[in-house]
Amino acid sequence: MSEEQTPTNEDATSVPADDTPVQPDPEPEPEPVPPPPTGETITWEPQTWYSITYACRTPGCINENQVRAAPMFYSNDGQLKNIRVVDASDDACHKDCVILTAAKLDPQPIEE
């Protein structure tokens, strides 16, 4: 006598029992914005070169709270209203940034 073979479901493709469409995976959560860095109180000397760190604090800016460096930064007349940093990189908000630290360059660059 020959043995009868019964079909098994091992080779069958799995199909949902009902016609419910398969939902795609949800979009990944965006990376959280780091907390705002804190700066120090800076006393600016007029007509002086500094090395600074700064950060944009504009909500929604792609560079929000990212600390960046500018190795050569000029203080102009030393008045805070005339000392500004604007992040002009691609897709940035192009608004004023907060200067966090400043170190006076020693020696000062030679003026041309």
N, C-alpha and C. Protein backbone atom coordinates (compact mmCIF):
# COMPACT_ATOMS: atom_id res chain seq x y z
N MET A 1 0.82 -1.18 0.00
CA MET A 1 0.00 0.00 0.00
C MET A 1 0.87 1.25 0.00
N SER A 2 0.42 2.28 -0.73
CA SER A 2 1.18 3.53 -0.76
C SER A 2 0.61 4.50 0.26
N GLU A 3 1.49 5.24 0.80
CA GLU A 3 1.06 6.21 1.81
C GLU A 3 0.50 7.44 1.12
N GLU A 4 -0.61 7.90 1.58
CA GLU A 4 -1.15 9.13 1.02
C GLU A 4 -0.50 10.31 1.71
N GLN A 5 -0.15 11.27 0.92
CA GLN A 5 0.45 12.48 1.49
C GLN A 5 -0.61 13.56 1.54
N THR A 6 -0.70 14.15 2.69
CA THR A 6 -1.66 15.23 2.84
C THR A 6 -0.91 16.55 2.73
N PRO A 7 -1.49 17.53 2.05
CA PRO A 7 -0.80 18.83 1.92
C PRO A 7 -0.68 19.52 3.27
N THR A 8 0.43 20.19 3.46
CA THR A 8 0.65 20.95 4.68
C THR A 8 0.69 22.43 4.35
N ASN A 9 0.59 23.26 5.38
CA ASN A 9 0.62 24.71 5.19
C ASN A 9 2.03 25.28 5.26
N GLU A 10 3.02 24.41 5.36
CA GLU A 10 4.39 24.91 5.49
C GLU A 10 4.82 25.72 4.29
N ASP A 11 4.36 25.34 3.11
CA ASP A 11 4.78 26.04 1.89
C ASP A 11 3.84 27.17 1.51
N ALA A 12 2.75 27.27 2.18
CA ALA A 12 1.77 28.30 1.82
C ALA A 12 2.23 29.67 2.31
N THR A 13 1.91 30.70 1.56
CA THR A 13 2.23 32.07 1.95
C THR A 13 1.20 32.53 2.97
N SER A 14 1.69 33.23 4.01
CA SER A 14 0.76 33.68 5.04
C SER A 14 -0.04 34.86 4.53
N VAL A 15 -1.32 34.77 4.68
CA VAL A 15 -2.24 35.81 4.23
C VAL A 15 -3.11 36.16 5.43
N PRO A 16 -3.36 37.46 5.66
CA PRO A 16 -4.22 37.82 6.78
C PRO A 16 -5.59 37.16 6.63
N ALA A 17 -6.18 36.82 7.77
CA ALA A 17 -7.47 36.15 7.76
C ALA A 17 -8.55 37.04 7.17
N ASP A 18 -8.43 38.34 7.36
CA ASP A 18 -9.42 39.24 6.78
C ASP A 18 -8.72 40.14 5.75
N ASP A 19 -9.44 41.04 5.15
CA ASP A 19 -8.88 41.91 4.13
C ASP A 19 -8.35 43.22 4.69
N THR A 20 -7.93 43.24 5.95
CA THR A 20 -7.41 44.44 6.59
C THR A 20 -6.08 44.80 5.95
N PRO A 21 -5.92 46.03 5.45
CA PRO A 21 -4.63 46.41 4.84
C PRO A 21 -3.54 46.48 5.91
N VAL A 22 -2.36 46.14 5.51
CA VAL A 22 -1.21 46.17 6.42
C VAL A 22 -0.75 47.63 6.54
N GLN A 23 -0.63 48.12 7.77
CA GLN A 23 -0.21 49.50 8.01
C GLN A 23 1.31 49.58 7.95
N PRO A 24 1.85 50.61 7.27
CA PRO A 24 3.31 50.77 7.25
C PRO A 24 3.81 51.17 8.64
N ASP A 25 5.09 50.92 8.85
CA ASP A 25 5.69 51.32 10.13
C ASP A 25 5.57 52.83 10.29
N PRO A 26 5.31 53.31 11.50
CA PRO A 26 5.19 54.76 11.72
C PRO A 26 6.55 55.44 11.49
N GLU A 27 6.48 56.73 11.14
CA GLU A 27 7.70 57.52 10.95
C GLU A 27 8.48 57.56 12.25
N PRO A 28 9.81 57.51 12.18
CA PRO A 28 10.58 57.60 13.43
C PRO A 28 10.45 58.98 14.05
N GLU A 29 10.51 59.02 15.35
CA GLU A 29 10.43 60.29 16.08
C GLU A 29 11.65 61.14 15.74
N PRO A 30 11.49 62.45 15.55
CA PRO A 30 12.67 63.29 15.31
C PRO A 30 13.54 63.33 16.56
N GLU A 31 14.83 63.55 16.33
CA GLU A 31 15.75 63.61 17.47
C GLU A 31 15.37 64.80 18.36
N PRO A 32 15.42 64.61 19.67
CA PRO A 32 15.05 65.72 20.55
C PRO A 32 16.06 66.86 20.45
N VAL A 33 15.57 68.06 20.63
CA VAL A 33 16.43 69.24 20.60
C VAL A 33 17.20 69.28 21.92
N PRO A 34 18.53 69.43 21.84
CA PRO A 34 19.29 69.48 23.09
C PRO A 34 18.90 70.71 23.92
N PRO A 35 19.13 70.66 25.21
CA PRO A 35 18.78 71.82 26.05
C PRO A 35 19.64 73.02 25.67
N PRO A 36 19.13 74.23 25.90
CA PRO A 36 19.90 75.41 25.53
C PRO A 36 21.17 75.51 26.36
N PRO A 37 22.29 75.78 25.69
CA PRO A 37 23.53 75.96 26.44
C PRO A 37 23.50 77.28 27.18
N THR A 38 24.24 77.34 28.25
CA THR A 38 24.32 78.59 29.03
C THR A 38 25.64 79.27 28.70
N GLY A 39 25.60 80.55 28.63
CA GLY A 39 26.80 81.32 28.32
C GLY A 39 27.37 81.99 29.55
N GLU A 40 28.47 82.66 29.35
CA GLU A 40 29.11 83.39 30.44
C GLU A 40 28.96 84.88 30.16
N THR A 41 29.11 85.70 31.19
CA THR A 41 29.09 87.14 30.99
C THR A 41 30.43 87.54 30.38
N ILE A 42 30.35 88.25 29.28
CA ILE A 42 31.56 88.61 28.54
C ILE A 42 31.73 90.13 28.59
N THR A 43 32.91 90.56 28.94
CA THR A 43 33.25 91.98 28.86
C THR A 43 34.09 92.16 27.60
N TRP A 44 33.53 92.87 26.64
CA TRP A 44 34.18 93.03 25.35
C TRP A 44 35.12 94.23 25.35
N GLU A 45 36.30 94.07 24.80
CA GLU A 45 37.21 95.19 24.57
C GLU A 45 37.03 95.64 23.13
N PRO A 46 37.05 96.94 22.89
CA PRO A 46 36.88 97.41 21.51
C PRO A 46 38.08 97.03 20.63
N GLN A 47 37.79 96.85 19.34
CA GLN A 47 38.81 96.59 18.32
C GLN A 47 39.73 95.43 18.71
N THR A 48 39.10 94.34 19.13
CA THR A 48 39.86 93.18 19.62
C THR A 48 39.33 91.91 18.96
N TRP A 49 40.24 90.99 18.67
CA TRP A 49 39.88 89.69 18.09
C TRP A 49 39.70 88.66 19.20
N TYR A 50 38.67 87.82 19.04
CA TYR A 50 38.35 86.77 20.00
C TYR A 50 38.12 85.45 19.25
N SER A 51 38.21 84.37 19.98
CA SER A 51 37.74 83.06 19.54
C SER A 51 36.47 82.81 20.35
N ILE A 52 35.36 82.50 19.68
CA ILE A 52 34.08 82.40 20.39
C ILE A 52 33.38 81.06 20.13
N THR A 53 32.46 80.73 21.01
CA THR A 53 31.46 79.70 20.75
C THR A 53 30.10 80.38 20.81
N TYR A 54 29.17 79.85 20.02
CA TYR A 54 27.84 80.46 19.95
C TYR A 54 26.81 79.38 19.65
N ALA A 55 25.54 79.71 19.86
CA ALA A 55 24.44 78.78 19.57
C ALA A 55 23.21 79.57 19.17
N CYS A 56 22.46 79.01 18.22
CA CYS A 56 21.17 79.59 17.84
C CYS A 56 20.13 79.10 18.83
N ARG A 57 19.28 79.99 19.30
CA ARG A 57 18.22 79.60 20.24
C ARG A 57 16.83 79.82 19.64
N THR A 58 16.76 79.97 18.32
CA THR A 58 15.47 80.18 17.66
C THR A 58 14.73 78.85 17.57
N PRO A 59 13.53 78.75 18.18
CA PRO A 59 12.77 77.50 18.11
C PRO A 59 12.50 77.09 16.65
N GLY A 60 12.75 75.82 16.36
CA GLY A 60 12.50 75.31 15.02
C GLY A 60 13.68 75.40 14.07
N CYS A 61 14.71 76.14 14.42
CA CYS A 61 15.90 76.24 13.56
C CYS A 61 16.60 74.88 13.55
N ILE A 62 17.13 74.48 12.40
CA ILE A 62 17.81 73.18 12.33
C ILE A 62 19.06 73.15 13.21
N ASN A 63 19.59 74.31 13.55
CA ASN A 63 20.78 74.38 14.39
C ASN A 63 20.46 74.80 15.83
N GLU A 64 19.20 74.70 16.21
CA GLU A 64 18.79 75.14 17.55
C GLU A 64 19.61 74.44 18.64
N ASN A 65 20.23 75.25 19.49
CA ASN A 65 21.01 74.80 20.65
C ASN A 65 22.26 74.00 20.32
N GLN A 66 22.69 74.02 19.07
CA GLN A 66 23.95 73.36 18.71
C GLN A 66 25.08 74.36 18.89
N VAL A 67 26.06 73.99 19.68
CA VAL A 67 27.19 74.89 19.95
C VAL A 67 28.16 74.83 18.78
N ARG A 68 28.49 75.98 18.26
CA ARG A 68 29.42 76.11 17.13
C ARG A 68 30.56 77.04 17.54
N ALA A 69 31.63 77.04 16.77
CA ALA A 69 32.80 77.86 17.09
C ALA A 69 33.15 78.79 15.93
N ALA A 70 33.66 79.94 16.28
CA ALA A 70 34.23 80.89 15.32
C ALA A 70 35.61 81.25 15.85
N PRO A 71 36.67 80.75 15.21
CA PRO A 71 38.02 80.96 15.75
C PRO A 71 38.52 82.40 15.68
N MET A 72 37.93 83.21 14.80
CA MET A 72 38.32 84.63 14.73
C MET A 72 37.05 85.47 14.65
N PHE A 73 36.84 86.28 15.67
CA PHE A 73 35.65 87.11 15.77
C PHE A 73 36.08 88.48 16.26
N TYR A 74 35.67 89.53 15.54
CA TYR A 74 36.08 90.90 15.86
C TYR A 74 35.02 91.60 16.70
N SER A 75 35.44 92.33 17.72
CA SER A 75 34.51 92.96 18.66
C SER A 75 33.98 94.32 18.22
N ASN A 76 34.41 94.82 17.08
CA ASN A 76 33.99 96.15 16.61
C ASN A 76 34.33 97.20 17.67
N ASP A 77 33.33 97.99 18.09
CA ASP A 77 33.60 99.05 19.07
C ASP A 77 33.46 98.57 20.52
N GLY A 78 33.19 97.29 20.72
CA GLY A 78 33.06 96.74 22.06
C GLY A 78 31.69 96.89 22.68
N GLN A 79 30.75 97.54 21.99
CA GLN A 79 29.40 97.70 22.51
C GLN A 79 28.56 96.50 22.10
N LEU A 80 27.85 95.93 23.06
CA LEU A 80 27.09 94.72 22.84
C LEU A 80 26.12 94.82 21.66
N LYS A 81 25.52 95.99 21.46
CA LYS A 81 24.55 96.14 20.37
C LYS A 81 25.21 95.97 19.00
N ASN A 82 26.53 96.12 18.92
CA ASN A 82 27.24 95.99 17.65
C ASN A 82 28.01 94.67 17.53
N ILE A 83 27.79 93.77 18.46
CA ILE A 83 28.47 92.48 18.45
C ILE A 83 27.41 91.41 18.20
N ARG A 84 27.41 90.85 16.97
CA ARG A 84 26.37 89.91 16.58
C ARG A 84 26.97 88.72 15.84
N VAL A 85 26.32 87.57 15.98
CA VAL A 85 26.64 86.39 15.20
C VAL A 85 25.34 85.89 14.58
N VAL A 86 25.36 85.66 13.28
CA VAL A 86 24.19 85.14 12.57
C VAL A 86 24.63 83.85 11.88
N ASP A 87 23.91 82.76 12.14
CA ASP A 87 24.20 81.49 11.50
C ASP A 87 23.62 81.53 10.09
N ALA A 88 24.48 81.64 9.09
CA ALA A 88 24.04 81.76 7.71
C ALA A 88 24.22 80.46 6.93
N SER A 89 24.36 79.34 7.63
CA SER A 89 24.51 78.07 6.93
C SER A 89 23.20 77.70 6.24
N ASP A 90 23.28 76.77 5.29
CA ASP A 90 22.10 76.35 4.54
C ASP A 90 20.99 75.89 5.47
N ASP A 91 19.78 76.28 5.18
CA ASP A 91 18.58 75.90 5.91
C ASP A 91 18.51 76.44 7.34
N ALA A 92 19.46 77.24 7.77
CA ALA A 92 19.39 77.83 9.11
C ALA A 92 18.41 79.00 9.07
N CYS A 93 18.04 79.48 10.24
CA CYS A 93 17.02 80.54 10.31
C CYS A 93 17.57 81.93 10.00
N HIS A 94 18.89 82.10 10.01
CA HIS A 94 19.54 83.39 9.71
C HIS A 94 19.18 84.48 10.72
N LYS A 95 18.95 84.09 11.96
CA LYS A 95 18.66 85.05 13.03
C LYS A 95 19.86 85.12 13.97
N ASP A 96 19.87 86.13 14.84
CA ASP A 96 20.98 86.30 15.77
C ASP A 96 21.15 85.08 16.67
N CYS A 97 22.41 84.73 16.91
CA CYS A 97 22.76 83.65 17.82
C CYS A 97 23.22 84.24 19.14
N VAL A 98 23.33 83.39 20.14
CA VAL A 98 23.82 83.81 21.45
C VAL A 98 25.29 83.43 21.54
N ILE A 99 26.13 84.40 21.90
CA ILE A 99 27.55 84.11 22.10
C ILE A 99 27.70 83.53 23.50
N LEU A 100 28.29 82.33 23.58
CA LEU A 100 28.39 81.62 24.84
C LEU A 100 29.71 81.89 25.56
N THR A 101 30.82 81.83 24.81
CA THR A 101 32.14 82.05 25.41
C THR A 101 32.97 82.89 24.45
N ALA A 102 33.93 83.59 25.00
CA ALA A 102 34.86 84.37 24.19
C ALA A 102 36.22 84.36 24.86
N ALA A 103 37.24 84.06 24.07
CA ALA A 103 38.62 84.08 24.56
C ALA A 103 39.41 85.04 23.69
N LYS A 104 40.00 86.03 24.31
CA LYS A 104 40.79 87.03 23.59
C LYS A 104 42.00 86.34 22.95
N LEU A 105 42.20 86.58 21.66
CA LEU A 105 43.33 85.98 20.97
C LEU A 105 44.62 86.67 21.42
N ASP A 106 45.61 85.84 21.76
CA ASP A 106 46.90 86.37 22.19
C ASP A 106 47.97 85.56 21.51
N PRO A 107 48.69 86.11 20.57
CA PRO A 107 48.73 87.52 20.18
C PRO A 107 47.55 87.87 19.26
N GLN A 108 47.23 89.14 19.20
CA GLN A 108 46.22 89.65 18.31
C GLN A 108 46.75 89.58 16.87
N PRO A 109 45.87 89.26 15.90
CA PRO A 109 46.31 89.27 14.50
C PRO A 109 46.80 90.64 14.08
N ILE A 110 47.78 90.67 13.22
CA ILE A 110 48.34 91.93 12.72
C ILE A 110 47.37 92.52 11.71
N GLU A 111 47.03 93.80 11.92
CA GLU A 111 46.13 94.47 11.00
C GLU A 111 46.87 94.83 9.73
N GLU A 112 46.18 94.70 8.62
CA GLU A 112 46.80 95.01 7.32
C GLU A 112 46.58 96.43 6.93
